[in-house]
C-alpha atoms as a PDB file:
ATOM      1  CA  GLY A   1       1.931 -45.059 -74.815  1.00  0.00           C
ATOM      2  CA  LYS A   2       1.437 -41.595 -73.387  1.00  0.00           C
ATOM      3  CA  ILE A   3      -0.756 -39.340 -75.521  1.00  0.00           C
ATOM      4  CA  THR A   4       1.020 -36.026 -76.136  1.00  0.00           C
ATOM      5  CA  PRO A   5      -0.783 -32.749 -75.417  1.00  0.00           C
ATOM      6  CA  SER A   6      -0.449 -31.674 -79.078  1.00  0.00           C
ATOM      7  CA  TYR A   7      -2.524 -34.711 -80.049  1.00  0.00           C
ATOM      8  CA  LEU A   8      -5.086 -34.047 -77.314  1.00  0.00           C
ATOM      9  CA  GLN A   9      -5.546 -30.421 -78.360  1.00  0.00           C
ATOM     10  CA  ARG A  10      -7.472 -31.577 -81.448  1.00  0.00           C
ATOM     11  CA  PHE A  11     -10.367 -32.536 -79.159  1.00  0.00           C
ATOM     12  CA  SER A  12     -12.852 -30.414 -77.211  1.00  0.00           C
ATOM     13  CA  ALA A  13     -11.610 -29.897 -73.652  1.00  0.00           C
ATOM     14  CA  ILE A  14     -15.035 -30.914 -72.297  1.00  0.00           C
ATOM     15  CA  HIS A  15     -17.996 -32.327 -74.189  1.00  0.00           C
ATOM     16  CA  CYS A  16     -21.012 -33.358 -72.069  1.00  0.00           C
ATOM     17  CA  GLU A  17     -24.510 -34.393 -73.083  1.00  0.00           C
ATOM     18  CA  ASN A  18     -27.195 -35.269 -70.508  1.00  0.00           C
ATOM     19  CA  PHE A  19     -24.359 -35.747 -68.010  1.00  0.00           C
ATOM     20  CA  SER A  20     -25.517 -36.404 -64.428  1.00  0.00           C
ATOM     21  CA  VAL A  21     -23.419 -36.770 -61.269  1.00  0.00           C
ATOM     22  CA  TYR A  22     -24.333 -38.563 -58.042  1.00  0.00           C
ATOM     23  CA  ALA A  23     -22.941 -38.355 -54.492  1.00  0.00           C
ATOM     24  CA  GLY A  24     -23.947 -40.600 -51.590  1.00  0.00           C
ATOM     25  CA  GLY A  25     -26.518 -42.284 -53.824  1.00  0.00           C
ATOM     26  CA  LYS A  26     -28.287 -38.951 -54.505  1.00  0.00           C
ATOM     27  CA  LEU A  27     -28.566 -37.144 -57.841  1.00  0.00           C
ATOM     28  CA  ILE A  28     -26.666 -33.863 -57.323  1.00  0.00           C
ATOM     29  CA  VAL A  29     -26.129 -32.529 -60.865  1.00  0.00           C
ATOM     30  CA  ASP A  30     -28.779 -33.380 -63.452  1.00  0.00           C
ATOM     31  CA  SER A  31     -28.477 -33.597 -67.257  1.00  0.00           C
ATOM     32  CA  VAL A  32     -25.664 -31.151 -68.077  1.00  0.00           C
ATOM     33  CA  THR A  33     -24.981 -30.434 -71.755  1.00  0.00           C
ATOM     34  CA  MET A  34     -21.975 -28.241 -72.598  1.00  0.00           C
ATOM     35  CA  LYS A  35     -18.949 -28.006 -74.863  1.00  0.00           C
ATOM     36  CA  ILE A  36     -15.681 -26.210 -74.013  1.00  0.00           C
ATOM     37  CA  ASP A  37     -12.865 -25.767 -76.531  1.00  0.00           C
ATOM     38  CA  HIS A  38      -9.197 -26.252 -75.677  1.00  0.00           C
ATOM     39  CA  GLY A  39      -7.654 -23.046 -74.319  1.00  0.00           C
ATOM     40  CA  GLN A  40     -10.905 -21.556 -73.012  1.00  0.00           C
ATOM     41  CA  ILE A  41     -11.662 -20.416 -69.451  1.00  0.00           C
ATOM     42  CA  LEU A  42     -14.838 -21.980 -68.029  1.00  0.00           C
ATOM     43  CA  GLY A  43     -16.366 -20.309 -64.982  1.00  0.00           C
ATOM     44  CA  ILE A  44     -18.521 -22.553 -62.781  1.00  0.00           C
ATOM     45  CA  LEU A  45     -20.729 -20.110 -60.905  1.00  0.00           C
ATOM     46  CA  GLY A  46     -23.239 -20.747 -58.146  1.00  0.00           C
ATOM     47  CA  GLU A  47     -24.042 -20.548 -54.456  1.00  0.00           C
ATOM     48  CA  SER A  48     -22.606 -22.916 -51.863  1.00  0.00           C
ATOM     49  CA  GLY A  49     -24.217 -26.368 -52.053  1.00  0.00           C
ATOM     50  CA  ALA A  50     -25.250 -26.017 -55.714  1.00  0.00           C
ATOM     51  CA  GLY A  51     -23.127 -29.008 -56.796  1.00  0.00           C
ATOM     52  CA  LYS A  52     -20.202 -27.165 -58.411  1.00  0.00           C
ATOM     53  CA  SER A  53     -17.442 -29.260 -56.806  1.00  0.00           C
ATOM     54  CA  THR A  54     -19.446 -32.485 -57.245  1.00  0.00           C
ATOM     55  CA  PHE A  55     -19.738 -31.749 -60.974  1.00  0.00           C
ATOM     56  CA  VAL A  56     -15.953 -31.328 -61.260  1.00  0.00           C
ATOM     57  CA  LYS A  57     -15.360 -34.584 -59.344  1.00  0.00           C
ATOM     58  CA  GLY A  58     -17.732 -36.263 -61.796  1.00  0.00           C
ATOM     59  CA  LEU A  59     -15.676 -34.891 -64.713  1.00  0.00           C
ATOM     60  CA  LEU A  60     -12.579 -36.532 -63.227  1.00  0.00           C
ATOM     61  CA  GLY A  61     -14.271 -39.925 -62.773  1.00  0.00           C
ATOM     62  CA  MET A  62     -14.353 -39.562 -58.975  1.00  0.00           C
ATOM     63  CA  ARG A  63     -18.159 -39.802 -58.634  1.00  0.00           C
ATOM     64  CA  LYS A  64     -20.894 -42.039 -60.042  1.00  0.00           C
ATOM     65  CA  ILE A  65     -22.067 -40.617 -63.373  1.00  0.00           C
ATOM     66  CA  THR A  66     -24.593 -41.269 -66.132  1.00  0.00           C
ATOM     67  CA  GLY A  67     -24.876 -39.817 -69.632  1.00  0.00           C
ATOM     68  CA  PHE A  68     -22.148 -38.837 -72.082  1.00  0.00           C
ATOM     69  CA  CYS A  69     -18.995 -36.906 -71.232  1.00  0.00           C
ATOM     70  CA  LYS A  70     -15.536 -36.769 -72.772  1.00  0.00           C
ATOM     71  CA  ILE A  71     -12.459 -34.875 -71.585  1.00  0.00           C
ATOM     72  CA  TYR A  72     -10.036 -34.355 -74.470  1.00  0.00           C
ATOM     73  CA  GLY A  73     -11.638 -37.260 -76.350  1.00  0.00           C
ATOM     74  CA  MET A  74     -11.493 -39.692 -73.412  1.00  0.00           C
ATOM     75  CA  ASP A  75     -14.701 -41.183 -72.024  1.00  0.00           C
ATOM     76  CA  ILE A  76     -15.170 -40.372 -68.348  1.00  0.00           C
ATOM     77  CA  ASN A  77     -14.994 -43.519 -66.241  1.00  0.00           C
ATOM     78  CA  LYS A  78     -12.890 -44.949 -63.397  1.00  0.00           C
ATOM     79  CA  LYS A  79     -10.623 -46.774 -65.858  1.00  0.00           C
ATOM     80  CA  ASN A  80      -9.718 -43.533 -67.650  1.00  0.00           C
ATOM     81  CA  SER A  81      -9.358 -41.430 -64.475  1.00  0.00           C
ATOM     82  CA  LYS A  82      -5.699 -42.571 -64.183  1.00  0.00           C
ATOM     83  CA  LYS A  83      -5.034 -41.566 -67.812  1.00  0.00           C
ATOM     84  CA  LEU A  84      -6.437 -38.112 -67.052  1.00  0.00           C
ATOM     85  CA  ARG A  85      -4.169 -37.508 -64.048  1.00  0.00           C
ATOM     86  CA  PRO A  86      -1.025 -36.409 -65.965  1.00  0.00           C
ATOM     87  CA  ILE A  87      -2.958 -33.963 -68.160  1.00  0.00           C
ATOM     88  CA  TYR A  88      -4.819 -31.985 -65.480  1.00  0.00           C
ATOM     89  CA  GLY A  89      -3.852 -29.922 -62.450  1.00  0.00           C
ATOM     90  CA  TYR A  90      -6.011 -29.279 -59.399  1.00  0.00           C
ATOM     91  CA  VAL A  91      -5.870 -26.271 -57.065  1.00  0.00           C
ATOM     92  CA  PRO A  92      -7.924 -26.988 -53.918  1.00  0.00           C
ATOM     93  CA  GLN A  93      -9.681 -24.286 -51.927  1.00  0.00           C
ATOM     94  CA  ASP A  94      -7.883 -25.523 -48.795  1.00  0.00           C
ATOM     95  CA  LEU A  95      -4.400 -24.008 -48.505  1.00  0.00           C
ATOM     96  CA  GLY A  96      -3.550 -26.687 -45.918  1.00  0.00           C
ATOM     97  CA  LYS A  97      -2.332 -28.923 -48.764  1.00  0.00           C
ATOM     98  CA  ILE A  98       0.781 -26.716 -49.107  1.00  0.00           C
ATOM     99  CA  TYR A  99       3.710 -27.353 -46.767  1.00  0.00           C
ATOM    100  CA  HIS A 100       3.908 -24.122 -44.774  1.00  0.00           C
ATOM    101  CA  ASN A 101       7.319 -24.945 -43.243  1.00  0.00           C
ATOM    102  CA  PHE A 102       8.857 -25.447 -46.715  1.00  0.00           C
ATOM    103  CA  THR A 103      10.039 -22.672 -48.997  1.00  0.00           C
ATOM    104  CA  VAL A 104       8.062 -21.972 -52.171  1.00  0.00           C
ATOM    105  CA  PHE A 105      10.649 -23.839 -54.261  1.00  0.00           C
ATOM    106  CA  GLU A 106      10.775 -26.808 -51.839  1.00  0.00           C
ATOM    107  CA  ASN A 107       7.003 -27.185 -52.301  1.00  0.00           C
ATOM    108  CA  LEU A 108       7.355 -27.120 -56.095  1.00  0.00           C
ATOM    109  CA  LEU A 109      10.246 -29.598 -55.909  1.00  0.00           C
ATOM    110  CA  TYR A 110       8.238 -32.000 -53.729  1.00  0.00           C
ATOM    111  CA  PHE A 111       5.137 -31.948 -55.945  1.00  0.00           C
ATOM    112  CA  GLY A 112       7.166 -31.939 -59.181  1.00  0.00           C
ATOM    113  CA  ASN A 113       9.011 -35.088 -58.046  1.00  0.00           C
ATOM    114  CA  GLN A 114       5.651 -36.863 -57.775  1.00  0.00           C
ATOM    115  CA  TYR A 115       5.258 -36.445 -61.546  1.00  0.00           C
ATOM    116  CA  GLY A 116       8.746 -37.803 -62.248  1.00  0.00           C
ATOM    117  CA  LEU A 117      10.245 -34.442 -63.223  1.00  0.00           C
ATOM    118  CA  THR A 118      13.996 -33.868 -62.854  1.00  0.00           C
ATOM    119  CA  GLU A 119      15.235 -31.163 -60.487  1.00  0.00           C
ATOM    120  CA  GLN A 120      16.454 -29.115 -63.461  1.00  0.00           C
ATOM    121  CA  GLU A 121      12.998 -29.305 -65.106  1.00  0.00           C
ATOM    122  CA  ILE A 122      11.367 -28.240 -61.840  1.00  0.00           C
ATOM    123  CA  ILE A 123      13.751 -25.275 -61.373  1.00  0.00           C
ATOM    124  CA  SER A 124      13.147 -24.080 -64.942  1.00  0.00           C
ATOM    125  CA  ARG A 125       9.354 -24.464 -64.739  1.00  0.00           C
ATOM    126  CA  SER A 126       9.191 -22.950 -61.240  1.00  0.00           C
ATOM    127  CA  ARG A 127      10.980 -19.773 -62.319  1.00  0.00           C
ATOM    128  CA  ARG A 128       8.724 -19.338 -65.353  1.00  0.00           C
ATOM    129  CA  LEU A 129       5.524 -20.005 -63.375  1.00  0.00           C
ATOM    130  CA  LEU A 130       6.460 -17.751 -60.463  1.00  0.00           C
ATOM    131  CA  ARG A 131       7.411 -14.998 -62.932  1.00  0.00           C
ATOM    132  CA  ASN A 132       3.990 -15.264 -64.631  1.00  0.00           C
ATOM    133  CA  LEU A 133       2.267 -15.323 -61.238  1.00  0.00           C
ATOM    134  CA  GLU A 134       4.354 -12.296 -60.158  1.00  0.00           C
ATOM    135  CA  ILE A 135       5.905 -13.947 -57.076  1.00  0.00           C
ATOM    136  CA  GLU A 136       9.346 -14.772 -58.518  1.00  0.00           C
ATOM    137  CA  ASP A 137      10.956 -12.900 -55.604  1.00  0.00           C
ATOM    138  CA  LYS A 138       9.359 -15.436 -53.191  1.00  0.00           C
ATOM    139  CA  PHE A 139      11.295 -18.404 -54.684  1.00  0.00           C
ATOM    140  CA  ASN A 140      13.218 -19.070 -51.428  1.00  0.00           C
ATOM    141  CA  ALA A 141      10.651 -17.606 -48.999  1.00  0.00           C
ATOM    142  CA  LEU A 142       8.982 -19.792 -46.368  1.00  0.00           C
ATOM    143  CA  VAL A 143       5.321 -20.302 -47.270  1.00  0.00           C
ATOM    144  CA  ARG A 144       4.202 -19.533 -43.698  1.00  0.00           C
ATOM    145  CA  ASN A 145       5.554 -15.970 -44.093  1.00  0.00           C
ATOM    146  CA  LEU A 146       3.495 -15.229 -47.237  1.00  0.00           C
ATOM    147  CA  SER A 147       0.191 -13.346 -47.473  1.00  0.00           C
ATOM    148  CA  GLY A 148      -3.056 -15.186 -48.292  1.00  0.00           C
ATOM    149  CA  GLY A 149      -2.953 -14.017 -51.916  1.00  0.00           C
ATOM    150  CA  GLU A 150       0.682 -15.117 -52.304  1.00  0.00           C
ATOM    151  CA  LYS A 151      -0.077 -18.555 -50.824  1.00  0.00           C
ATOM    152  CA  ARG A 152      -2.902 -18.907 -53.349  1.00  0.00           C
ATOM    153  CA  ARG A 153      -0.454 -18.161 -56.184  1.00  0.00           C
ATOM    154  CA  VAL A 154       1.958 -20.807 -54.829  1.00  0.00           C
ATOM    155  CA  SER A 155      -0.929 -23.298 -54.837  1.00  0.00           C
ATOM    156  CA  ILE A 156      -1.628 -22.414 -58.497  1.00  0.00           C
ATOM    157  CA  ALA A 157       2.061 -22.872 -59.399  1.00  0.00           C
ATOM    158  CA  ILE A 158       1.978 -26.337 -57.766  1.00  0.00           C
ATOM    159  CA  GLY A 159      -1.097 -27.220 -59.857  1.00  0.00           C
ATOM    160  CA  LEU A 160       0.793 -26.212 -63.021  1.00  0.00           C
ATOM    161  CA  ILE A 161       4.248 -27.666 -62.270  1.00  0.00           C
ATOM    162  CA  HIS A 162       3.742 -30.778 -64.464  1.00  0.00           C
ATOM    163  CA  ALA A 163       2.522 -28.628 -67.416  1.00  0.00           C
ATOM    164  CA  PRO A 164      -1.087 -29.922 -67.507  1.00  0.00           C
ATOM    165  CA  ILE A 165      -3.257 -28.934 -70.457  1.00  0.00           C
ATOM    166  CA  PHE A 166      -6.180 -28.119 -68.180  1.00  0.00           C
ATOM    167  CA  LEU A 167      -6.292 -26.754 -64.645  1.00  0.00           C
ATOM    168  CA  ILE A 168      -9.178 -26.903 -62.170  1.00  0.00           C
ATOM    169  CA  LEU A 169      -9.326 -24.206 -59.467  1.00  0.00           C
ATOM    170  CA  ASP A 170     -11.783 -24.604 -56.573  1.00  0.00           C
ATOM    171  CA  GLU A 171     -12.827 -21.110 -55.433  1.00  0.00           C
ATOM    172  CA  PRO A 172      -9.302 -19.627 -55.748  1.00  0.00           C
ATOM    173  CA  THR A 173     -10.482 -16.114 -54.815  1.00  0.00           C
ATOM    174  CA  SER A 174     -12.571 -17.090 -51.774  1.00  0.00           C
ATOM    175  CA  GLY A 175     -11.673 -15.001 -48.721  1.00  0.00           C
ATOM    176  CA  LEU A 176      -9.488 -12.551 -50.665  1.00  0.00           C
ATOM    177  CA  ASP A 177     -10.236  -8.829 -50.776  1.00  0.00           C
ATOM    178  CA  PRO A 178     -11.552  -7.397 -54.093  1.00  0.00           C
ATOM    179  CA  ILE A 179      -8.231  -5.889 -55.289  1.00  0.00           C
ATOM    180  CA  ILE A 180      -6.294  -9.120 -54.612  1.00  0.00           C
ATOM    181  CA  ARG A 181      -9.084 -11.107 -56.330  1.00  0.00           C
ATOM    182  CA  GLU A 182      -8.820  -8.886 -59.403  1.00  0.00           C
ATOM    183  CA  ASN A 183      -5.016  -9.243 -59.515  1.00  0.00           C
ATOM    184  CA  LEU A 184      -5.243 -13.017 -59.138  1.00  0.00           C
ATOM    185  CA  TRP A 185      -7.642 -13.200 -62.082  1.00  0.00           C
ATOM    186  CA  LEU A 186      -5.279 -11.081 -64.182  1.00  0.00           C
ATOM    187  CA  ALA A 187      -2.526 -13.603 -63.345  1.00  0.00           C
ATOM    188  CA  LEU A 188      -4.825 -16.495 -64.347  1.00  0.00           C
ATOM    189  CA  THR A 189      -5.665 -14.898 -67.704  1.00  0.00           C
ATOM    190  CA  LYS A 190      -1.928 -14.406 -68.270  1.00  0.00           C
ATOM    191  CA  ILE A 191      -1.325 -18.139 -67.576  1.00  0.00           C
ATOM    192  CA  ASN A 192      -4.169 -18.984 -69.964  1.00  0.00           C
ATOM    193  CA  GLU A 193      -2.669 -16.816 -72.728  1.00  0.00           C
ATOM    194  CA  GLN A 194       1.015 -17.714 -72.174  1.00  0.00           C
ATOM    195  CA  PHE A 195       0.626 -21.475 -71.769  1.00  0.00           C
ATOM    196  CA  GLY A 196      -2.676 -22.067 -73.610  1.00  0.00           C
ATOM    197  CA  THR A 197      -3.958 -23.898 -70.521  1.00  0.00           C
ATOM    198  CA  THR A 198      -7.694 -24.596 -70.349  1.00  0.00           C
ATOM    199  CA  LEU A 199      -8.961 -23.278 -66.986  1.00  0.00           C
ATOM    200  CA  ILE A 200     -12.010 -24.508 -65.070  1.00  0.00           C
ATOM    201  CA  VAL A 201     -12.641 -22.036 -62.246  1.00  0.00           C
ATOM    202  CA  ILE A 202     -15.256 -22.563 -59.521  1.00  0.00           C
ATOM    203  CA  THR A 203     -16.521 -19.308 -57.984  1.00  0.00           C
ATOM    204  CA  HIS A 204     -19.526 -17.765 -56.251  1.00  0.00           C
ATOM    205  CA  TYR A 205     -18.733 -14.202 -57.397  1.00  0.00           C
ATOM    206  CA  PRO A 206     -20.849 -13.335 -60.505  1.00  0.00           C
ATOM    207  CA  GLU A 207     -18.586 -10.398 -61.468  1.00  0.00           C
ATOM    208  CA  GLU A 208     -15.648 -12.797 -62.004  1.00  0.00           C
ATOM    209  CA  SER A 209     -17.428 -14.287 -65.006  1.00  0.00           C
ATOM    210  CA  ARG A 210     -16.143 -11.382 -67.135  1.00  0.00           C
ATOM    211  CA  PHE A 211     -12.729 -13.103 -67.201  1.00  0.00           C
ATOM    212  CA  CYS A 212     -14.239 -16.313 -68.646  1.00  0.00           C
ATOM    213  CA  HIS A 213     -14.989 -17.408 -72.215  1.00  0.00           C
ATOM    214  CA  ARG A 214     -17.934 -19.547 -71.063  1.00  0.00           C
ATOM    215  CA  VAL A 215     -19.918 -19.722 -67.815  1.00  0.00           C
ATOM    216  CA  ALA A 216     -22.056 -22.509 -66.336  1.00  0.00           C
ATOM    217  CA  ILE A 217     -24.486 -21.237 -63.681  1.00  0.00           C
ATOM    218  CA  PHE A 218     -25.442 -23.845 -61.081  1.00  0.00           C
ATOM    219  CA  GLY A 219     -28.628 -23.677 -58.985  1.00  0.00           C
ATOM    220  CA  ARG A 220     -29.237 -25.595 -55.768  1.00  0.00           C
ATOM    221  CA  ASN A 221     -30.851 -28.996 -56.509  1.00  0.00           C
ATOM    222  CA  ARG A 222     -31.094 -28.063 -60.192  1.00  0.00           C
ATOM    223  CA  GLY A 223     -27.624 -28.566 -61.673  1.00  0.00           C
ATOM    224  CA  VAL A 224     -26.748 -26.219 -64.538  1.00  0.00           C
ATOM    225  CA  ILE A 225     -29.542 -23.698 -64.998  1.00  0.00           C
ATOM    226  CA  ASP A 226     -27.772 -21.750 -67.742  1.00  0.00           C
ATOM    227  CA  PHE A 227     -24.652 -22.008 -69.887  1.00  0.00           C
ATOM    228  CA  GLY A 228     -23.153 -19.619 -72.410  1.00  0.00           C
ATOM    229  CA  LYS A 229     -21.066 -16.490 -72.965  1.00  0.00           C
ATOM    230  CA  PRO A 230     -20.729 -14.304 -69.839  1.00  0.00           C
ATOM    231  CA  LYS A 231     -22.135 -11.097 -71.334  1.00  0.00           C
ATOM    232  CA  ASP A 232     -25.264 -12.918 -72.546  1.00  0.00           C
ATOM    233  CA  LEU A 233     -25.873 -14.548 -69.152  1.00  0.00           C
ATOM    234  CA  LEU A 234     -25.115 -11.458 -67.035  1.00  0.00           C
ATOM    235  CA  ALA A 235     -27.574  -9.386 -69.069  1.00  0.00           C
ATOM    236  CA  GLN A 236     -30.348 -11.664 -67.740  1.00  0.00           C
ATOM    237  CA  LEU A 237     -29.392 -11.263 -64.046  1.00  0.00           C
ATOM    238  CA  PRO A 238     -30.717  -8.567 -61.657  1.00  0.00           C
ATOM    239  CA  GLY A 239     -28.366  -5.580 -61.806  1.00  0.00           C
ATOM    240  CA  LYS A 240     -26.640  -7.287 -64.771  1.00  0.00           C
ATOM    241  CA  GLY A 241     -24.748  -9.541 -62.343  1.00  0.00           C
ATOM    242  CA  ARG A 242     -23.078  -6.774 -60.361  1.00  0.00           C
ATOM    243  CA  SER A 243     -22.761  -7.439 -56.634  1.00  0.00           C
ATOM    244  CA  ILE A 244     -21.903  -5.248 -53.665  1.00  0.00           C
ATOM    245  CA  GLU A 245     -19.862  -6.399 -50.662  1.00  0.00           C
ATOM    246  CA  VAL A 246     -20.609  -4.698 -47.337  1.00  0.00           C
ATOM    247  CA  CYS A 247     -18.405  -5.207 -44.247  1.00  0.00           C
ATOM    248  CA  PHE A 248     -19.695  -4.678 -40.693  1.00  0.00           C
ATOM    249  CA  LYS A 249     -17.552  -4.380 -37.555  1.00  0.00           C
ATOM    250  CA  GLU A 250     -20.205  -6.355 -35.681  1.00  0.00           C
ATOM    251  CA  LEU A 251     -23.513  -7.996 -36.557  1.00  0.00           C
ATOM    252  CA  LYS A 252     -26.410  -7.468 -34.158  1.00  0.00           C
ATOM    253  CA  GLU A 253     -29.533  -9.642 -34.303  1.00  0.00           C
ATOM    254  CA  ASN A 254     -31.835  -6.871 -35.584  1.00  0.00           C
ATOM    255  CA  LEU A 255     -29.311  -5.994 -38.329  1.00  0.00           C
ATOM    256  CA  ILE A 256     -29.196  -9.631 -39.489  1.00  0.00           C
ATOM    257  CA  GLU A 257     -33.022  -9.689 -39.685  1.00  0.00           C
ATOM    258  CA  THR A 258     -33.010  -6.441 -41.690  1.00  0.00           C
ATOM    259  CA  LEU A 259     -30.401  -7.782 -44.136  1.00  0.00           C
ATOM    260  CA  GLU A 260     -32.286 -11.058 -44.615  1.00  0.00           C
ATOM    261  CA  SER A 261     -35.480  -9.152 -45.438  1.00  0.00           C
ATOM    262  CA  ILE A 262     -33.846  -7.259 -48.339  1.00  0.00           C
END
């Protein structure tokens, strides 16, 4: 029978030892050891191409793996990947997965139906989620008329509609301006506190790690190069992990060369 979330919460959300993930026959993430408790926020931090998304696909049994890894007490393998599906939500980086010609509620209804939820359950959950994500007034709005930040919040609501106990977000703040990024993180921490949902958030912004309980730093061709509490890890980085974003109206060749030399 179906294992209830209350039973699953007795286990660690993620427990990996010497866990390696492969893609296209190549070793991408090597020998990861980490433990995340239920209800924590894990930040997966690293540059593009460092294997962050491949690691997450390995966690879900979607890539070849070696070593030991359990998600809520279940061994990671292809057989168990179907058992995992009802207990996790996934928010892709690509907003193209949302139906832009549907209203916000029509999207939630469509995706909620895929999990066998009744319309009444979907209405009730939708209102609560949109209230927590501060877009309750967009319930009947067409998605195509929303801002980028609002569309991202709709995508998060879709990932949570079936009440998963852990949610994976692939670079949810990518392409958003700093204030909208900050507000989105505040909404995510609210979801984490209100629903007790374990969050696994992929990002390339070091400063976002302050919202996380634990951070795994990925390096290109090296897998996880460090894992621990954010304040301990940031203290080791240049400038204590602070980063500056600079916008240029146009980029000339000599300016690019100057920037690359810094």
